């Protein structure tokens, strides 16, 4: 994927399209975007910052 095609809308659409898989495979209840992409202030060196809530019975390890 070319970097200029990745923007806030693309990331949010991708997360929405994969919501069911993220819930089933990883136990993610909610996921959100924050940081420069969320503010539409990203540049070529920006990373994608995500925050998520796991179901109460899911552990990371």
PDB file of N, CA and C in Angstrom:
ATOM      1  N   UNK A   1       0.854  -1.184   0.000  1.00  0.00           N
ATOM      2  CA  UNK A   1       0.000   0.000   0.000  1.00  0.00           C
ATOM      3  C   UNK A   1       0.889   1.232   0.000  1.00  0.00           C
ATOM      4  N   UNK A   2       0.623   2.129  -0.916  1.00  0.00           N
ATOM      5  CA  UNK A   2       1.389   3.380  -0.971  1.00  0.00           C
ATOM      6  C   UNK A   2       0.999   4.265   0.203  1.00  0.00           C
ATOM      7  N   UNK A   3       1.993   4.905   0.775  1.00  0.00           N
ATOM      8  CA  UNK A   3       1.788   5.693   1.995  1.00  0.00           C
ATOM      9  C   UNK A   3       0.748   6.791   1.821  1.00  0.00           C
ATOM     10  N   UNK A   4       0.700   7.424   0.655  1.00  0.00           N
ATOM     11  CA  UNK A   4      -0.251   8.527   0.486  1.00  0.00           C
ATOM     12  C   UNK A   4      -1.699   8.046   0.452  1.00  0.00           C
ATOM     13  N   UNK A   5      -1.921   6.747   0.281  1.00  0.00           N
ATOM     14  CA  UNK A   5      -3.281   6.217   0.279  1.00  0.00           C
ATOM     15  C   UNK A   5      -3.785   5.907   1.687  1.00  0.00           C
ATOM     16  N   UNK A   6      -2.879   5.874   2.637  1.00  0.00           N
ATOM     17  CA  UNK A   6      -3.272   5.604   4.020  1.00  0.00           C
ATOM     18  C   UNK A   6      -3.596   6.932   4.695  1.00  0.00           C
ATOM     19  N   UNK A   7      -4.844   7.048   5.111  1.00  0.00           N
ATOM     20  CA  UNK A   7      -5.280   8.245   5.823  1.00  0.00           C
ATOM     21  C   UNK A   7      -6.297   7.829   6.882  1.00  0.00           C
ATOM     22  N   UNK A   8      -6.813   8.766   7.594  1.00  0.00           N
ATOM     23  CA  UNK A   8      -7.760   8.491   8.682  1.00  0.00           C
ATOM     24  C   UNK A   8      -8.941   7.653   8.198  1.00  0.00           C
ATOM     25  N   UNK A   9      -9.529   8.039   7.086  1.00  0.00           N
ATOM     26  CA  UNK A   9     -10.702   7.344   6.575  1.00  0.00           C
ATOM     27  C   UNK A   9     -10.376   5.900   6.206  1.00  0.00           C
ATOM     28  N   UNK A  10      -9.224   5.682   5.559  1.00  0.00           N
ATOM     29  CA  UNK A  10      -8.816   4.332   5.175  1.00  0.00           C
ATOM     30  C   UNK A  10      -8.642   3.450   6.408  1.00  0.00           C
ATOM     31  N   UNK A  11      -7.985   3.973   7.428  1.00  0.00           N
ATOM     32  CA  UNK A  11      -7.747   3.198   8.650  1.00  0.00           C
ATOM     33  C   UNK A  11      -9.068   2.855   9.324  1.00  0.00           C
ATOM     34  N   UNK A  12      -9.958   3.830   9.476  1.00  0.00           N
ATOM     35  CA  UNK A  12     -11.240   3.585  10.136  1.00  0.00           C
ATOM     36  C   UNK A  12     -12.098   2.604   9.345  1.00  0.00           C
ATOM     37  N   UNK A  13     -12.097   2.708   8.020  1.00  0.00           N
ATOM     38  CA  UNK A  13     -12.847   1.762   7.184  1.00  0.00           C
ATOM     39  C   UNK A  13     -12.278   0.354   7.314  1.00  0.00           C
ATOM     40  N   UNK A  14     -10.954   0.242   7.374  1.00  0.00           N
ATOM     41  CA  UNK A  14     -10.307  -1.062   7.521  1.00  0.00           C
ATOM     42  C   UNK A  14     -10.648  -1.686   8.870  1.00  0.00           C
ATOM     43  N   UNK A  15     -10.613  -0.890   9.925  1.00  0.00           N
ATOM     44  CA  UNK A  15     -10.978  -1.398  11.247  1.00  0.00           C
ATOM     45  C   UNK A  15     -12.434  -1.849  11.272  1.00  0.00           C
ATOM     46  N   UNK A  16     -13.304  -1.062  10.679  1.00  0.00           N
ATOM     47  CA  UNK A  16     -14.727  -1.407  10.647  1.00  0.00           C
ATOM     48  C   UNK A  16     -14.959  -2.690   9.854  1.00  0.00           C
ATOM     49  N   UNK A  17     -14.282  -2.828   8.722  1.00  0.00           N
ATOM     50  CA  UNK A  17     -14.433  -4.017   7.880  1.00  0.00           C
ATOM     51  C   UNK A  17     -13.923  -5.275   8.572  1.00  0.00           C
ATOM     52  N   UNK A  18     -12.993  -5.121   9.502  1.00  0.00           N
ATOM     53  CA  UNK A  18     -12.399  -6.265  10.198  1.00  0.00           C
ATOM     54  C   UNK A  18     -12.880  -6.411  11.635  1.00  0.00           C
ATOM     55  N   UNK A  19     -13.903  -5.671  12.000  1.00  0.00           N
ATOM     56  CA  UNK A  19     -14.402  -5.659  13.379  1.00  0.00           C
ATOM     57  C   UNK A  19     -14.745  -7.060  13.885  1.00  0.00           C
ATOM     58  N   UNK A  20     -15.493  -7.813  13.104  1.00  0.00           N
ATOM     59  CA  UNK A  20     -15.912  -9.150  13.538  1.00  0.00           C
ATOM     60  C   UNK A  20     -14.707 -10.065  13.762  1.00  0.00           C
ATOM     61  N   UNK A  21     -13.755 -10.041  12.861  1.00  0.00           N
ATOM     62  CA  UNK A  21     -12.545 -10.864  13.008  1.00  0.00           C
ATOM     63  C   UNK A  21     -11.754 -10.461  14.251  1.00  0.00           C
ATOM     64  N   UNK A  22     -11.600  -9.155  14.474  1.00  0.00           N
ATOM     65  CA  UNK A  22     -10.875  -8.674  15.650  1.00  0.00           C
ATOM     66  C   UNK A  22     -11.559  -9.122  16.941  1.00  0.00           C
ATOM     67  N   UNK A  23     -12.882  -9.130  16.931  1.00  0.00           N
ATOM     68  CA  UNK A  23     -13.624  -9.567  18.110  1.00  0.00           C
ATOM     69  C   UNK A  23     -13.456 -11.066  18.339  1.00  0.00           C
ATOM     70  N   UNK A  24     -13.617 -11.851  17.285  1.00  0.00           N
ATOM     71  CA  UNK A  24     -13.557 -13.310  17.419  1.00  0.00           C
ATOM     72  C   UNK A  24     -12.150 -13.816  17.708  1.00  0.00           C
ATOM     73  N   UNK A  25     -11.169 -13.350  16.969  1.00  0.00           N
ATOM     74  CA  UNK A  25      -9.811 -13.888  17.080  1.00  0.00           C
ATOM     75  C   UNK A  25      -9.011 -13.317  18.243  1.00  0.00           C
ATOM     76  N   UNK A  26      -9.267 -12.060  18.582  1.00  0.00           N
ATOM     77  CA  UNK A  26      -8.426 -11.401  19.577  1.00  0.00           C
ATOM     78  C   UNK A  26      -9.181 -10.914  20.810  1.00  0.00           C
ATOM     79  N   UNK A  27     -10.505 -11.042  20.816  1.00  0.00           N
ATOM     80  CA  UNK A  27     -11.284 -10.620  21.969  1.00  0.00           C
ATOM     81  C   UNK A  27     -11.382  -9.116  22.136  1.00  0.00           C
ATOM     82  N   UNK A  28     -11.234  -8.386  21.052  1.00  0.00           N
ATOM     83  CA  UNK A  28     -11.289  -6.923  21.118  1.00  0.00           C
ATOM     84  C   UNK A  28     -12.747  -6.471  21.110  1.00  0.00           C
ATOM     85  N   UNK A  29     -13.143  -5.745  22.144  1.00  0.00           N
ATOM     86  CA  UNK A  29     -14.504  -5.216  22.215  1.00  0.00           C
ATOM     87  C   UNK A  29     -14.630  -3.893  21.472  1.00  0.00           C
ATOM     88  N   UNK A  30     -13.659  -3.012  21.703  1.00  0.00           N
ATOM     89  CA  UNK A  30     -13.669  -1.696  21.053  1.00  0.00           C
ATOM     90  C   UNK A  30     -12.257  -1.378  20.608  1.00  0.00           C
ATOM     91  N   UNK A  31     -12.176  -0.624  19.512  1.00  0.00           N
ATOM     92  CA  UNK A  31     -10.860  -0.205  19.025  1.00  0.00           C
ATOM     93  C   UNK A  31     -10.993   1.213  18.486  1.00  0.00           C
ATOM     94  N   UNK A  32      -9.975   2.011  18.716  1.00  0.00           N
ATOM     95  CA  UNK A  32     -10.018   3.395  18.265  1.00  0.00           C
ATOM     96  C   UNK A  32      -8.672   3.872  17.766  1.00  0.00           C
ATOM     97  N   UNK A  33      -8.718   4.922  17.021  1.00  0.00           N
ATOM     98  CA  UNK A  33      -7.541   5.545  16.431  1.00  0.00           C
ATOM     99  C   UNK A  33      -7.249   6.837  17.181  1.00  0.00           C
ATOM    100  N   UNK A  34      -5.981   7.073  17.486  1.00  0.00           N
ATOM    101  CA  UNK A  34      -5.589   8.341  18.104  1.00  0.00           C
ATOM    102  C   UNK A  34      -4.264   8.793  17.514  1.00  0.00           C
ATOM    103  N   UNK A  35      -3.813   9.957  17.882  1.00  0.00           N
ATOM    104  CA  UNK A  35      -2.543  10.459  17.377  1.00  0.00           C
ATOM    105  C   UNK A  35      -2.692  11.236  16.081  1.00  0.00           C
ATOM    106  N   UNK A  36      -1.595  11.333  15.357  1.00  0.00           N
ATOM    107  CA  UNK A  36      -1.554  12.197  14.172  1.00  0.00           C
ATOM    108  C   UNK A  36      -2.548  11.775  13.093  1.00  0.00           C
ATOM    109  N   UNK A  37      -2.756  10.473  12.882  1.00  0.00           N
ATOM    110  CA  UNK A  37      -3.728  10.039  11.870  1.00  0.00           C
ATOM    111  C   UNK A  37      -5.145  10.422  12.279  1.00  0.00           C
ATOM    112  N   UNK A  38      -5.468  10.311  13.548  1.00  0.00           N
ATOM    113  CA  UNK A  38      -6.802  10.681  14.024  1.00  0.00           C
ATOM    114  C   UNK A  38      -7.064  12.169  13.822  1.00  0.00           C
ATOM    115  N   UNK A  39      -6.015  12.964  13.911  1.00  0.00           N
ATOM    116  CA  UNK A  39      -6.136  14.422  13.751  1.00  0.00           C
ATOM    117  C   UNK A  39      -5.902  14.870  12.306  1.00  0.00           C
ATOM    118  N   UNK A  40      -5.654  13.933  11.398  1.00  0.00           N
ATOM    119  CA  UNK A  40      -5.304  14.242  10.004  1.00  0.00           C
ATOM    120  C   UNK A  40      -4.067  15.132   9.923  1.00  0.00           C
ATOM    121  N   UNK A  41      -3.090  14.855  10.790  1.00  0.00           N
ATOM    122  CA  UNK A  41      -1.833  15.607  10.808  1.00  0.00           C
ATOM    123  C   UNK A  41      -0.639  14.696  10.533  1.00  0.00           C
ATOM    124  N   UNK A  42      -0.886  13.522   9.943  1.00  0.00           N
ATOM    125  CA  UNK A  42       0.178  12.554   9.700  1.00  0.00           C
ATOM    126  C   UNK A  42       1.153  13.054   8.635  1.00  0.00           C
ATOM    127  N   UNK A  43       2.366  12.494   8.700  1.00  0.00           N
ATOM    128  CA  UNK A  43       3.366  12.751   7.667  1.00  0.00           C
ATOM    129  C   UNK A  43       4.009  11.417   7.307  1.00  0.00           C
ATOM    130  N   UNK A  44       5.016  11.445   6.452  1.00  0.00           N
ATOM    131  CA  UNK A  44       5.621  10.203   5.963  1.00  0.00           C
ATOM    132  C   UNK A  44       6.299   9.385   7.066  1.00  0.00           C
ATOM    133  N   UNK A  45       6.569   9.980   8.207  1.00  0.00           N
ATOM    134  CA  UNK A  45       7.213   9.260   9.312  1.00  0.00           C
ATOM    135  C   UNK A  45       6.227   8.860  10.414  1.00  0.00           C
ATOM    136  N   UNK A  46       4.959   9.156  10.234  1.00  0.00           N
ATOM    137  CA  UNK A  46       3.956   8.860  11.258  1.00  0.00           C
ATOM    138  C   UNK A  46       3.682   7.367  11.347  1.00  0.00           C
ATOM    139  N   UNK A  47       3.422   6.920  12.580  1.00  0.00           N
ATOM    140  CA  UNK A  47       2.942   5.559  12.765  1.00  0.00           C
ATOM    141  C   UNK A  47       1.447   5.624  13.051  1.00  0.00           C
ATOM    142  N   UNK A  48       0.814   4.465  13.077  1.00  0.00           N
ATOM    143  CA  UNK A  48      -0.620   4.390  13.337  1.00  0.00           C
ATOM    144  C   UNK A  48      -0.807   3.982  14.792  1.00  0.00           C
ATOM    145  N   UNK A  49      -1.493   4.828  15.554  1.00  0.00           N
ATOM    146  CA  UNK A  49      -1.709   4.596  16.982  1.00  0.00           C
ATOM    147  C   UNK A  49      -3.131   4.092  17.210  1.00  0.00           C
ATOM    148  N   UNK A  50      -3.238   2.909  17.818  1.00  0.00           N
ATOM    149  CA  UNK A  50      -4.535   2.313  18.111  1.00  0.00           C
ATOM    150  C   UNK A  50      -4.666   2.078  19.605  1.00  0.00           C
ATOM    151  N   UNK A  51      -5.873   2.216  20.101  1.00  0.00           N
ATOM    152  CA  UNK A  51      -6.195   1.881  21.484  1.00  0.00           C
ATOM    153  C   UNK A  51      -7.359   0.895  21.427  1.00  0.00           C
ATOM    154  N   UNK A  52      -7.370  -0.068  22.351  1.00  0.00           N
ATOM    155  CA  UNK A  52      -8.432  -1.069  22.317  1.00  0.00           C
ATOM    156  C   UNK A  52      -8.791  -1.545  23.717  1.00  0.00           C
ATOM    157  N   UNK A  53     -10.017  -2.057  23.826  1.00  0.00           N
ATOM    158  CA  UNK A  53     -10.507  -2.701  25.046  1.00  0.00           C
ATOM    159  C   UNK A  53     -10.702  -4.173  24.733  1.00  0.00           C
ATOM    160  N   UNK A  54     -10.215  -5.026  25.628  1.00  0.00           N
ATOM    161  CA  UNK A  54     -10.403  -6.463  25.478  1.00  0.00           C
ATOM    162  C   UNK A  54     -11.592  -6.919  26.311  1.00  0.00           C
ATOM    163  N   UNK A  55     -12.216  -8.011  25.891  1.00  0.00           N
ATOM    164  CA  UNK A  55     -13.260  -8.621  26.703  1.00  0.00           C
ATOM    165  C   UNK A  55     -12.655  -8.979  28.052  1.00  0.00           C
ATOM    166  N   UNK A  56     -13.458  -8.996  29.081  1.00  0.00           N
ATOM    167  CA  UNK A  56     -12.946  -9.180  30.444  1.00  0.00           C
ATOM    168  C   UNK A  56     -12.241 -10.515  30.655  1.00  0.00           C
ATOM    169  N   UNK A  57     -12.566 -11.540  29.886  1.00  0.00           N
ATOM    170  CA  UNK A  57     -11.946 -12.849  30.080  1.00  0.00           C
ATOM    171  C   UNK A  57     -10.717 -13.075  29.194  1.00  0.00           C
ATOM    172  N   UNK A  58     -10.280 -12.071  28.455  1.00  0.00           N
ATOM    173  CA  UNK A  58      -9.141 -12.200  27.546  1.00  0.00           C
ATOM    174  C   UNK A  58      -7.893 -11.642  28.218  1.00  0.00           C
ATOM    175  N   UNK A  59      -6.797 -12.393  28.101  1.00  0.00           N
ATOM    176  CA  UNK A  59      -5.512 -11.948  28.648  1.00  0.00           C
ATOM    177  C   UNK A  59      -4.525 -11.791  27.504  1.00  0.00           C
ATOM    178  N   UNK A  60      -3.587 -10.868  27.642  1.00  0.00           N
ATOM    179  CA  UNK A  60      -2.597 -10.624  26.591  1.00  0.00           C
ATOM    180  C   UNK A  60      -1.532 -11.709  26.520  1.00  0.00           C
ATOM    181  N   UNK A  61      -1.259 -12.390  27.613  1.00  0.00           N
ATOM    182  CA  UNK A  61      -0.201 -13.395  27.635  1.00  0.00           C
ATOM    183  C   UNK A  61      -0.773 -14.780  27.697  1.00  0.00           C
TER     184      UNK A  61
END
